[in-house]
Amino acid sequence: MKEKTLKIVVNGLEEVVDEQTTVAHLVEMHGDGDVHLIVERNGRFVYPREYGSTGVEPGDEFELVHPDFGG
């Protein structure tokens, strides 16, 4: 059986992902292990506790931000 895919945008770049993809999958693919990673979905903050239960929809736009702490 062929998996269905959908198009989303991650950090300004269009990507094709499996329709079962969650924010947790995106963080795994793009997070580089950064525990301080900030995720926005369509301009709204996604809490880390919601990564596994938040799926993606066609046309979603995600920003994965690696904050630079320090002075």
Protein backbone atom coordinates (compact mmCIF):
# COMPACT_ATOMS: atom_id res chain seq x y z
CA MET A 1 0.00 0.00 0.00
CA LYS A 2 1.36 3.40 -1.00
CA GLU A 3 1.60 5.99 1.76
CA LYS A 4 -0.19 9.28 1.19
CA THR A 5 1.83 12.46 1.35
CA LEU A 6 1.13 16.14 1.75
CA LYS A 7 2.98 19.40 1.21
CA ILE A 8 3.98 21.64 4.09
CA VAL A 9 6.50 24.46 4.56
CA VAL A 10 9.31 24.18 7.11
CA ASN A 11 11.47 27.25 7.70
CA GLY A 12 10.39 28.70 4.35
CA LEU A 13 11.07 25.57 2.29
CA GLU A 14 8.38 23.34 0.86
CA GLU A 15 8.57 19.70 1.95
CA VAL A 16 6.57 16.60 1.15
CA VAL A 17 5.87 14.46 4.20
CA ASP A 18 3.79 11.41 5.07
CA GLU A 19 0.24 12.31 6.07
CA GLN A 20 0.85 10.66 9.47
CA THR A 21 3.69 13.06 10.30
CA THR A 22 3.56 14.80 13.68
CA VAL A 23 5.43 17.79 15.03
CA ALA A 24 7.57 15.29 16.94
CA HIS A 25 8.69 13.83 13.59
CA LEU A 26 9.55 17.29 12.27
CA VAL A 27 11.57 18.06 15.39
CA GLU A 28 13.39 14.76 15.01
CA MET A 29 14.18 15.56 11.36
CA HIS A 30 15.14 19.22 11.84
CA GLY A 31 15.78 19.82 15.53
CA ASP A 32 19.45 18.83 15.71
CA GLY A 33 18.86 17.66 19.29
CA ASP A 34 18.32 21.23 20.52
CA VAL A 35 16.34 20.98 23.77
CA HIS A 36 15.53 24.69 23.54
CA LEU A 37 13.98 24.43 20.07
CA ILE A 38 10.89 26.60 19.56
CA VAL A 39 8.20 25.37 17.15
CA GLU A 40 5.55 27.54 15.54
CA ARG A 41 2.73 26.11 13.44
CA ASN A 42 0.97 28.67 11.27
CA GLY A 43 2.28 31.44 13.53
CA ARG A 44 1.22 29.80 16.80
CA PHE A 45 3.53 28.35 19.43
CA VAL A 46 3.39 24.56 19.85
CA TYR A 47 4.11 23.33 23.37
CA PRO A 48 6.64 20.49 23.57
CA ARG A 49 4.11 18.31 25.42
CA GLU A 50 1.91 18.52 22.29
CA TYR A 51 4.56 17.51 19.71
CA GLY A 52 3.51 13.85 19.60
CA SER A 53 -0.20 14.57 19.35
CA THR A 54 -0.05 17.44 16.86
CA GLY A 55 -0.32 16.25 13.29
CA VAL A 56 0.37 18.25 10.16
CA GLU A 57 -2.18 19.37 7.60
CA PRO A 58 -1.69 20.24 3.93
CA GLY A 59 -0.34 23.77 3.60
CA ASP A 60 0.81 24.09 7.22
CA GLU A 61 3.74 26.44 7.73
CA PHE A 62 6.24 25.58 10.45
CA GLU A 63 9.08 27.62 11.88
CA LEU A 64 11.64 25.69 13.91
CA VAL A 65 13.73 28.23 15.78
CA HIS A 66 16.99 27.51 17.57
CA PRO A 67 17.23 30.36 20.12
CA ASP A 68 20.67 31.79 20.74
CA PHE A 69 21.04 32.24 24.49
CA GLY A 70 23.90 34.27 25.84
CA GLY A 71 25.18 37.77 25.95
